[in-house]
Amino acid sequence: MMHYQYVDHIQQVKLLGKIKYMDAEQLQTKILNNLVNNDELQAQWDSLTPTDPDYMMYSPMPVGYHDTAEQHYLFQNLLVGFNPSQSILDIGCGRGDMANFIIDFFGEPAPWTGIDHNPIMSDIAKQKYGYDTITGAFETTKLNKHDWVVASGVFTQRRCNTEDEDLRKVFSDIDILYNVANNVVAFNLLSPIKTKQHEGFLYIHPGLIMDMLIEKYQFVSIRHNYSKDVYTVLIYKF
C-alpha cells in the first residue's frame, strides 16, 4: 500500500478556499476516515478475489487500486479546489466510482460525465449506480466542455513501444483534456524518484512534466507530497 501524508492536503484546501460545504474540522475528519478505512463494508470489498461474484462490481483491484482507501485518497488529491457546483468530465471513469465519491465526500452530487473505453465498465456503472456513461476512446470521441477534466490512473501504464513514444502520447492526450476543460485539468502520474519500478508501467519525472507543461500552459501545479510513487498534476485555465 502507498505511503500517504494528509496534513498538506488539509492546508492546501484551506488556502484554496474552494470547499464551502464543510469547515476544516469536518474536512479533516473525512480525510482521516478515508486513510484509516475502518468501514466494514469497504474491508469486505478489499478482500474480494477474482472468483467472487461481486469482484468486478466492488473490488478496487479491477479499476487499478490496491484498496478502497488508496482509491479514495487519490481521488481527494485530484479534486483539491473542486466543489460540486462545477461540472466534471471523468476520463477513464471505470465504474463511475469518482462520481459516487464526490457525493459521499462533498455531501451532494456534481454535474458529472464519465467516459471509458471498456463497455464492461460502462455496464457495471449502470448496474452499480445507475449512471449512463460514454463508451469509447476519449482521444476520438467528441466531448462537451466541462469545468473540470480529471483522469485517474489513465497515464500510469505503458501504451507504446518506446518510452519516447509513451511521452509523446501522454502530452498529446493532456492537450485533448486541456481543450475540453473550462477551468482545471487534473491527472496523476507515477514518479520514478526512489521508487521500485514495475514492468508495464510508465514513470515520468515530475521535473520533466513541470518544465514541459509550464512552457505550454503556464499555470501548472504539481503535488508530489502525499505518496511515494504517485503525484498529481493540475493545469489551470483561469
C-alpha atoms as a PDB file:
ATOM      1  CA  MET A   1       0.000   0.000   0.000  1.00  0.00           C
ATOM      2  CA  MET A   2       1.204   3.516  -0.735  1.00  0.00           C
ATOM      3  CA  HIS A   3       2.519   5.854   1.957  1.00  0.00           C
ATOM      4  CA  TYR A   4       0.342   8.938   2.425  1.00  0.00           C
ATOM      5  CA  GLN A   5       0.553  12.293   4.161  1.00  0.00           C
ATOM      6  CA  TYR A   6      -2.762  14.005   4.852  1.00  0.00           C
ATOM      7  CA  VAL A   7      -1.766  17.238   6.607  1.00  0.00           C
ATOM      8  CA  ASP A   8      -0.647  19.028   3.454  1.00  0.00           C
ATOM      9  CA  HIS A   9      -3.956  18.243   1.746  1.00  0.00           C
ATOM     10  CA  ILE A  10      -5.885  19.928   4.554  1.00  0.00           C
ATOM     11  CA  GLN A  11      -3.658  23.015   4.448  1.00  0.00           C
ATOM     12  CA  GLN A  12      -3.931  23.212   0.671  1.00  0.00           C
ATOM     13  CA  VAL A  13      -7.729  23.113   0.776  1.00  0.00           C
ATOM     14  CA  LYS A  14      -7.787  25.866   3.419  1.00  0.00           C
ATOM     15  CA  LEU A  15      -5.547  28.061   1.253  1.00  0.00           C
ATOM     16  CA  LEU A  16      -7.590  27.492  -1.886  1.00  0.00           C
ATOM     17  CA  GLY A  17     -10.792  28.280  -0.019  1.00  0.00           C
ATOM     18  CA  LYS A  18     -12.864  26.376  -2.560  1.00  0.00           C
ATOM     19  CA  ILE A  19     -14.770  23.966  -0.340  1.00  0.00           C
ATOM     20  CA  LYS A  20     -17.572  25.956   1.200  1.00  0.00           C
ATOM     21  CA  TYR A  21     -19.664  22.942   2.128  1.00  0.00           C
ATOM     22  CA  MET A  22     -17.772  21.939   5.293  1.00  0.00           C
ATOM     23  CA  ASP A  23     -15.481  23.501   7.857  1.00  0.00           C
ATOM     24  CA  ALA A  24     -11.843  22.484   8.390  1.00  0.00           C
ATOM     25  CA  GLU A  25     -12.687  20.024  11.175  1.00  0.00           C
ATOM     26  CA  GLN A  26     -15.267  18.228   9.037  1.00  0.00           C
ATOM     27  CA  LEU A  27     -12.831  18.109   6.137  1.00  0.00           C
ATOM     28  CA  GLN A  28     -10.037  16.688   8.283  1.00  0.00           C
ATOM     29  CA  THR A  29     -12.380  14.015   9.649  1.00  0.00           C
ATOM     30  CA  LYS A  30     -13.369  12.955   6.144  1.00  0.00           C
ATOM     31  CA  ILE A  31      -9.751  12.742   5.024  1.00  0.00           C
ATOM     32  CA  LEU A  32      -8.703  10.728   8.071  1.00  0.00           C
ATOM     33  CA  ASN A  33     -11.651   8.383   7.648  1.00  0.00           C
ATOM     34  CA  ASN A  34     -10.566   7.669   4.105  1.00  0.00           C
ATOM     35  CA  LEU A  35      -6.999   6.989   5.214  1.00  0.00           C
ATOM     36  CA  VAL A  36      -7.925   4.696   8.086  1.00  0.00           C
ATOM     37  CA  ASN A  37     -10.716   2.962   6.153  1.00  0.00           C
ATOM     38  CA  ASN A  38     -12.419   1.311   9.135  1.00  0.00           C
ATOM     39  CA  ASP A  39     -15.600   0.805   7.161  1.00  0.00           C
ATOM     40  CA  GLU A  40     -16.534  -2.880   7.401  1.00  0.00           C
ATOM     41  CA  LEU A  41     -18.224  -2.889   4.018  1.00  0.00           C
ATOM     42  CA  GLN A  42     -15.158  -1.422   2.311  1.00  0.00           C
ATOM     43  CA  ALA A  43     -12.992  -4.010   4.078  1.00  0.00           C
ATOM     44  CA  GLN A  44     -15.205  -6.699   2.542  1.00  0.00           C
ATOM     45  CA  TRP A  45     -14.734  -5.143  -0.893  1.00  0.00           C
ATOM     46  CA  ASP A  46     -10.955  -5.060  -0.422  1.00  0.00           C
ATOM     47  CA  SER A  47     -10.898  -8.774   0.436  1.00  0.00           C
ATOM     48  CA  LEU A  48     -12.798  -9.898  -2.673  1.00  0.00           C
ATOM     49  CA  THR A  49     -10.980 -12.234  -5.050  1.00  0.00           C
ATOM     50  CA  PRO A  50     -11.496 -12.725  -8.810  1.00  0.00           C
ATOM     51  CA  THR A  51     -13.605 -15.820  -8.123  1.00  0.00           C
ATOM     52  CA  ASP A  52     -16.138 -13.855  -6.035  1.00  0.00           C
ATOM     53  CA  PRO A  53     -19.309 -12.871  -7.938  1.00  0.00           C
ATOM     54  CA  ASP A  54     -19.075  -9.254  -6.682  1.00  0.00           C
ATOM     55  CA  TYR A  55     -15.405  -8.808  -7.611  1.00  0.00           C
ATOM     56  CA  MET A  56     -15.898  -6.667 -10.725  1.00  0.00           C
ATOM     57  CA  MET A  57     -18.636  -4.625  -9.083  1.00  0.00           C
ATOM     58  CA  TYR A  58     -16.964  -3.729  -5.778  1.00  0.00           C
ATOM     59  CA  SER A  59     -13.299  -4.705  -5.585  1.00  0.00           C
ATOM     60  CA  PRO A  60     -10.829  -1.817  -6.084  1.00  0.00           C
ATOM     61  CA  MET A  61      -8.453  -4.111  -7.995  1.00  0.00           C
ATOM     62  CA  PRO A  62     -10.255  -4.245 -11.386  1.00  0.00           C
ATOM     63  CA  VAL A  63     -10.118  -0.443 -11.580  1.00  0.00           C
ATOM     64  CA  GLY A  64      -6.428  -0.252 -10.699  1.00  0.00           C
ATOM     65  CA  TYR A  65      -6.234   0.322  -6.927  1.00  0.00           C
ATOM     66  CA  HIS A  66      -4.787  -1.810  -4.137  1.00  0.00           C
ATOM     67  CA  ASP A  67      -7.609  -0.978  -1.751  1.00  0.00           C
ATOM     68  CA  THR A  68     -10.545   1.382  -1.368  1.00  0.00           C
ATOM     69  CA  ALA A  69      -8.636   3.778   0.908  1.00  0.00           C
ATOM     70  CA  GLU A  70      -5.997   4.239  -1.800  1.00  0.00           C
ATOM     71  CA  GLN A  71      -8.665   4.892  -4.414  1.00  0.00           C
ATOM     72  CA  HIS A  72     -10.409   7.495  -2.275  1.00  0.00           C
ATOM     73  CA  TYR A  73      -7.194   9.241  -1.287  1.00  0.00           C
ATOM     74  CA  LEU A  74      -6.065   9.535  -4.897  1.00  0.00           C
ATOM     75  CA  PHE A  75      -9.483  10.974  -5.743  1.00  0.00           C
ATOM     76  CA  GLN A  76      -9.065  13.542  -2.945  1.00  0.00           C
ATOM     77  CA  ASN A  77      -5.728  14.647  -4.311  1.00  0.00           C
ATOM     78  CA  LEU A  78      -7.154  15.059  -7.801  1.00  0.00           C
ATOM     79  CA  LEU A  79     -10.049  17.173  -6.542  1.00  0.00           C
ATOM     80  CA  VAL A  80      -8.206  19.787  -4.457  1.00  0.00           C
ATOM     81  CA  GLY A  81     -10.085  23.019  -5.157  1.00  0.00           C
ATOM     82  CA  PHE A  82     -13.129  21.326  -6.680  1.00  0.00           C
ATOM     83  CA  ASN A  83     -16.680  21.890  -5.473  1.00  0.00           C
ATOM     84  CA  PRO A  84     -19.813  20.093  -6.676  1.00  0.00           C
ATOM     85  CA  SER A  85     -21.331  23.175  -8.283  1.00  0.00           C
ATOM     86  CA  GLN A  86     -18.757  22.661 -11.058  1.00  0.00           C
ATOM     87  CA  SER A  87     -19.223  20.202 -13.918  1.00  0.00           C
ATOM     88  CA  ILE A  88     -16.661  17.404 -14.177  1.00  0.00           C
ATOM     89  CA  LEU A  89     -15.590  15.099 -17.005  1.00  0.00           C
ATOM     90  CA  ASP A  90     -14.112  11.831 -15.716  1.00  0.00           C
ATOM     91  CA  ILE A  91     -11.712  10.311 -18.280  1.00  0.00           C
ATOM     92  CA  GLY A  92     -11.324   6.553 -17.845  1.00  0.00           C
ATOM     93  CA  CYS A  93     -14.216   6.597 -15.380  1.00  0.00           C
ATOM     94  CA  GLY A  94     -14.431   2.828 -14.959  1.00  0.00           C
ATOM     95  CA  ARG A  95     -17.458   2.001 -12.795  1.00  0.00           C
ATOM     96  CA  GLY A  96     -18.211   5.637 -12.009  1.00  0.00           C
ATOM     97  CA  ASP A  97     -16.705   5.417  -8.526  1.00  0.00           C
ATOM     98  CA  MET A  98     -15.466   9.021  -8.604  1.00  0.00           C
ATOM     99  CA  ALA A  99     -18.985  10.388  -9.094  1.00  0.00           C
ATOM    100  CA  ASN A 100     -20.138   8.428  -6.067  1.00  0.00           C
ATOM    101  CA  PHE A 101     -17.069   9.555  -4.091  1.00  0.00           C
ATOM    102  CA  ILE A 102     -17.976  13.195  -4.793  1.00  0.00           C
ATOM    103  CA  ILE A 103     -21.441  12.609  -3.335  1.00  0.00           C
ATOM    104  CA  ASP A 104     -20.008  10.929  -0.223  1.00  0.00           C
ATOM    105  CA  PHE A 105     -17.205  13.451   0.310  1.00  0.00           C
ATOM    106  CA  PHE A 106     -18.956  16.727  -0.515  1.00  0.00           C
ATOM    107  CA  GLY A 107     -22.465  15.730   0.514  1.00  0.00           C
ATOM    108  CA  GLU A 108     -24.064  16.407  -2.857  1.00  0.00           C
ATOM    109  CA  PRO A 109     -23.663  15.330  -6.484  1.00  0.00           C
ATOM    110  CA  ALA A 110     -21.828  17.260  -9.170  1.00  0.00           C
ATOM    111  CA  PRO A 111     -22.770  17.532 -12.851  1.00  0.00           C
ATOM    112  CA  TRP A 112     -20.648  14.520 -13.840  1.00  0.00           C
ATOM    113  CA  THR A 113     -19.903  12.848 -17.167  1.00  0.00           C
ATOM    114  CA  GLY A 114     -17.854   9.678 -17.427  1.00  0.00           C
ATOM    115  CA  ILE A 115     -16.174   8.084 -20.426  1.00  0.00           C
ATOM    116  CA  ASP A 116     -14.436   4.711 -20.566  1.00  0.00           C
ATOM    117  CA  HIS A 117     -13.227   2.620 -23.497  1.00  0.00           C
ATOM    118  CA  ASN A 118     -14.350  -0.621 -21.819  1.00  0.00           C
ATOM    119  CA  PRO A 119     -18.046  -1.460 -22.375  1.00  0.00           C
ATOM    120  CA  ILE A 120     -17.953  -3.865 -19.434  1.00  0.00           C
ATOM    121  CA  MET A 121     -17.164  -0.964 -17.116  1.00  0.00           C
ATOM    122  CA  SER A 122     -19.945   1.107 -18.659  1.00  0.00           C
ATOM    123  CA  ASP A 123     -22.395  -1.717 -17.967  1.00  0.00           C
ATOM    124  CA  ILE A 124     -21.182  -2.013 -14.367  1.00  0.00           C
ATOM    125  CA  ALA A 125     -21.550   1.754 -13.820  1.00  0.00           C
ATOM    126  CA  LYS A 126     -25.168   1.441 -14.902  1.00  0.00           C
ATOM    127  CA  GLN A 127     -25.792  -1.575 -12.662  1.00  0.00           C
ATOM    128  CA  LYS A 128     -23.940  -0.211  -9.635  1.00  0.00           C
ATOM    129  CA  TYR A 129     -25.001   3.431  -9.591  1.00  0.00           C
ATOM    130  CA  GLY A 130     -27.491   3.878 -12.415  1.00  0.00           C
ATOM    131  CA  TYR A 131     -25.026   6.096 -14.305  1.00  0.00           C
ATOM    132  CA  ASP A 132     -25.120   6.369 -18.078  1.00  0.00           C
ATOM    133  CA  THR A 133     -21.535   6.748 -19.241  1.00  0.00           C
ATOM    134  CA  ILE A 134     -19.970   7.213 -22.644  1.00  0.00           C
ATOM    135  CA  THR A 135     -18.308   4.125 -24.078  1.00  0.00           C
ATOM    136  CA  GLY A 136     -15.401   4.931 -26.353  1.00  0.00           C
ATOM    137  CA  ALA A 137     -11.871   6.289 -26.599  1.00  0.00           C
ATOM    138  CA  PHE A 138     -11.574   9.831 -25.253  1.00  0.00           C
ATOM    139  CA  GLU A 139      -8.993  10.580 -27.949  1.00  0.00           C
ATOM    140  CA  THR A 140     -11.537  10.166 -30.746  1.00  0.00           C
ATOM    141  CA  THR A 141     -14.876  10.887 -29.051  1.00  0.00           C
ATOM    142  CA  LYS A 142     -16.406  14.336 -29.378  1.00  0.00           C
ATOM    143  CA  LEU A 143     -16.738  15.577 -25.792  1.00  0.00           C
ATOM    144  CA  ASN A 144     -18.535  18.607 -24.422  1.00  0.00           C
ATOM    145  CA  LYS A 145     -16.588  21.084 -22.347  1.00  0.00           C
ATOM    146  CA  HIS A 146     -16.669  20.744 -18.554  1.00  0.00           C
ATOM    147  CA  ASP A 147     -15.321  22.937 -15.753  1.00  0.00           C
ATOM    148  CA  TRP A 148     -13.003  20.156 -14.544  1.00  0.00           C
ATOM    149  CA  VAL A 149     -11.482  17.324 -16.565  1.00  0.00           C
ATOM    150  CA  VAL A 150      -9.881  14.576 -14.478  1.00  0.00           C
ATOM    151  CA  ALA A 151      -8.037  11.361 -15.308  1.00  0.00           C
ATOM    152  CA  SER A 152      -7.155   8.952 -12.518  1.00  0.00           C
ATOM    153  CA  GLY A 153      -4.743   6.196 -13.484  1.00  0.00           C
ATOM    154  CA  VAL A 154      -5.111   6.839 -17.221  1.00  0.00           C
ATOM    155  CA  PHE A 155      -1.430   7.681 -17.776  1.00  0.00           C
ATOM    156  CA  THR A 156       0.203   5.125 -15.462  1.00  0.00           C
ATOM    157  CA  GLN A 157       0.611   2.225 -17.897  1.00  0.00           C
ATOM    158  CA  ARG A 158       2.872   1.825 -20.911  1.00  0.00           C
ATOM    159  CA  ARG A 159       0.862   2.113 -24.118  1.00  0.00           C
ATOM    160  CA  CYS A 160       3.546   2.392 -26.802  1.00  0.00           C
ATOM    161  CA  ASN A 161       6.663   0.527 -27.925  1.00  0.00           C
ATOM    162  CA  THR A 162       9.200   3.030 -26.568  1.00  0.00           C
ATOM    163  CA  GLU A 163       9.320   5.480 -23.661  1.00  0.00           C
ATOM    164  CA  ASP A 164       9.743   8.357 -26.102  1.00  0.00           C
ATOM    165  CA  GLU A 165       6.521   7.345 -27.865  1.00  0.00           C
ATOM    166  CA  ASP A 166       4.806   6.974 -24.487  1.00  0.00           C
ATOM    167  CA  LEU A 167       5.811  10.512 -23.511  1.00  0.00           C
ATOM    168  CA  ARG A 168       4.589  11.933 -26.803  1.00  0.00           C
ATOM    169  CA  LYS A 169       1.307  10.095 -26.327  1.00  0.00           C
ATOM    170  CA  VAL A 170       0.866  11.447 -22.794  1.00  0.00           C
ATOM    171  CA  PHE A 171       1.500  15.048 -23.873  1.00  0.00           C
ATOM    172  CA  SER A 172      -0.872  14.644 -26.812  1.00  0.00           C
ATOM    173  CA  ASP A 173      -3.571  13.270 -24.502  1.00  0.00           C
ATOM    174  CA  ILE A 174      -3.058  16.075 -21.974  1.00  0.00           C
ATOM    175  CA  ASP A 175      -3.699  18.537 -24.786  1.00  0.00           C
ATOM    176  CA  ILE A 176      -7.000  16.793 -25.544  1.00  0.00           C
ATOM    177  CA  LEU A 177      -8.027  17.119 -21.891  1.00  0.00           C
ATOM    178  CA  TYR A 178      -6.963  20.764 -21.815  1.00  0.00           C
ATOM    179  CA  ASN A 179      -9.088  21.610 -24.833  1.00  0.00           C
ATOM    180  CA  VAL A 180     -12.296  20.266 -23.254  1.00  0.00           C
ATOM    181  CA  ALA A 181     -11.711  21.913 -19.838  1.00  0.00           C
ATOM    182  CA  ASN A 182     -13.096  25.294 -18.839  1.00  0.00           C
ATOM    183  CA  ASN A 183     -11.120  25.681 -15.625  1.00  0.00           C
ATOM    184  CA  VAL A 184      -8.910  22.792 -14.486  1.00  0.00           C
ATOM    185  CA  VAL A 185      -7.280  19.610 -15.781  1.00  0.00           C
ATOM    186  CA  ALA A 186      -6.200  17.134 -13.083  1.00  0.00           C
ATOM    187  CA  PHE A 187      -4.443  13.805 -13.506  1.00  0.00           C
ATOM    188  CA  ASN A 188      -1.965  11.592 -11.698  1.00  0.00           C
ATOM    189  CA  LEU A 189       1.332  10.050 -12.785  1.00  0.00           C
ATOM    190  CA  LEU A 190       3.867   7.596 -11.402  1.00  0.00           C
ATOM    191  CA  SER A 191       7.124   9.038 -10.089  1.00  0.00           C
ATOM    192  CA  PRO A 192      10.488   7.340 -10.773  1.00  0.00           C
ATOM    193  CA  ILE A 193      12.127   9.038  -7.758  1.00  0.00           C
ATOM    194  CA  LYS A 194      13.263   6.475  -5.158  1.00  0.00           C
ATOM    195  CA  THR A 195      10.563   4.132  -6.432  1.00  0.00           C
ATOM    196  CA  LYS A 196      10.706   0.447  -7.312  1.00  0.00           C
ATOM    197  CA  GLN A 197       9.631   0.410 -10.935  1.00  0.00           C
ATOM    198  CA  HIS A 198       7.475  -2.359 -12.350  1.00  0.00           C
ATOM    199  CA  GLU A 199       7.419  -3.512 -15.943  1.00  0.00           C
ATOM    200  CA  GLY A 200       4.469  -2.325 -17.970  1.00  0.00           C
ATOM    201  CA  PHE A 201       4.052   0.898 -16.019  1.00  0.00           C
ATOM    202  CA  LEU A 202       5.082   4.386 -17.105  1.00  0.00           C
ATOM    203  CA  TYR A 203       7.184   6.509 -14.747  1.00  0.00           C
ATOM    204  CA  ILE A 204       7.664  10.175 -15.639  1.00  0.00           C
ATOM    205  CA  HIS A 205       9.928  12.519 -13.688  1.00  0.00           C
ATOM    206  CA  PRO A 206       7.887  15.392 -12.185  1.00  0.00           C
ATOM    207  CA  GLY A 207      10.605  17.862 -13.100  1.00  0.00           C
ATOM    208  CA  LEU A 208      10.233  16.979 -16.777  1.00  0.00           C
ATOM    209  CA  ILE A 209       6.461  17.256 -16.582  1.00  0.00           C
ATOM    210  CA  MET A 210       6.664  20.601 -14.797  1.00  0.00           C
ATOM    211  CA  ASP A 211       9.071  22.099 -17.349  1.00  0.00           C
ATOM    212  CA  MET A 212       7.130  20.878 -20.364  1.00  0.00           C
ATOM    213  CA  LEU A 213       3.679  21.826 -19.102  1.00  0.00           C
ATOM    214  CA  ILE A 214       4.624  25.267 -17.775  1.00  0.00           C
ATOM    215  CA  GLU A 215       6.243  26.028 -21.119  1.00  0.00           C
ATOM    216  CA  LYS A 216       2.981  25.189 -22.887  1.00  0.00           C
ATOM    217  CA  TYR A 217       0.188  26.005 -20.419  1.00  0.00           C
ATOM    218  CA  GLN A 218       1.886  28.368 -17.897  1.00  0.00           C
ATOM    219  CA  PHE A 219      -0.396  27.795 -14.874  1.00  0.00           C
ATOM    220  CA  VAL A 220       0.610  24.383 -13.520  1.00  0.00           C
ATOM    221  CA  SER A 221       0.784  22.846 -10.064  1.00  0.00           C
ATOM    222  CA  ILE A 222       2.412  19.534  -9.099  1.00  0.00           C
ATOM    223  CA  ARG A 223       1.724  17.806  -5.775  1.00  0.00           C
ATOM    224  CA  HIS A 224       4.473  15.296  -5.042  1.00  0.00           C
ATOM    225  CA  ASN A 225       3.947  15.173  -1.276  1.00  0.00           C
ATOM    226  CA  TYR A 226       1.283  12.588  -0.436  1.00  0.00           C
ATOM    227  CA  SER A 227       2.614   9.311  -1.858  1.00  0.00           C
ATOM    228  CA  LYS A 228       5.963   7.666  -2.505  1.00  0.00           C
ATOM    229  CA  ASP A 229       5.129   6.758  -6.067  1.00  0.00           C
ATOM    230  CA  VAL A 230       2.141   8.816  -7.265  1.00  0.00           C
ATOM    231  CA  TYR A 231       1.885  12.566  -7.828  1.00  0.00           C
ATOM    232  CA  THR A 232      -0.869  14.870  -9.025  1.00  0.00           C
ATOM    233  CA  VAL A 233      -0.689  17.444 -11.825  1.00  0.00           C
ATOM    234  CA  LEU A 234      -3.182  20.298 -12.080  1.00  0.00           C
ATOM    235  CA  ILE A 235      -3.339  22.683 -15.030  1.00  0.00           C
ATOM    236  CA  TYR A 236      -5.375  25.854 -14.549  1.00  0.00           C
ATOM    237  CA  LYS A 237      -7.101  27.892 -17.256  1.00  0.00           C
ATOM    238  CA  PHE A 238      -8.057  30.911 -15.116  1.00  0.00           C
END
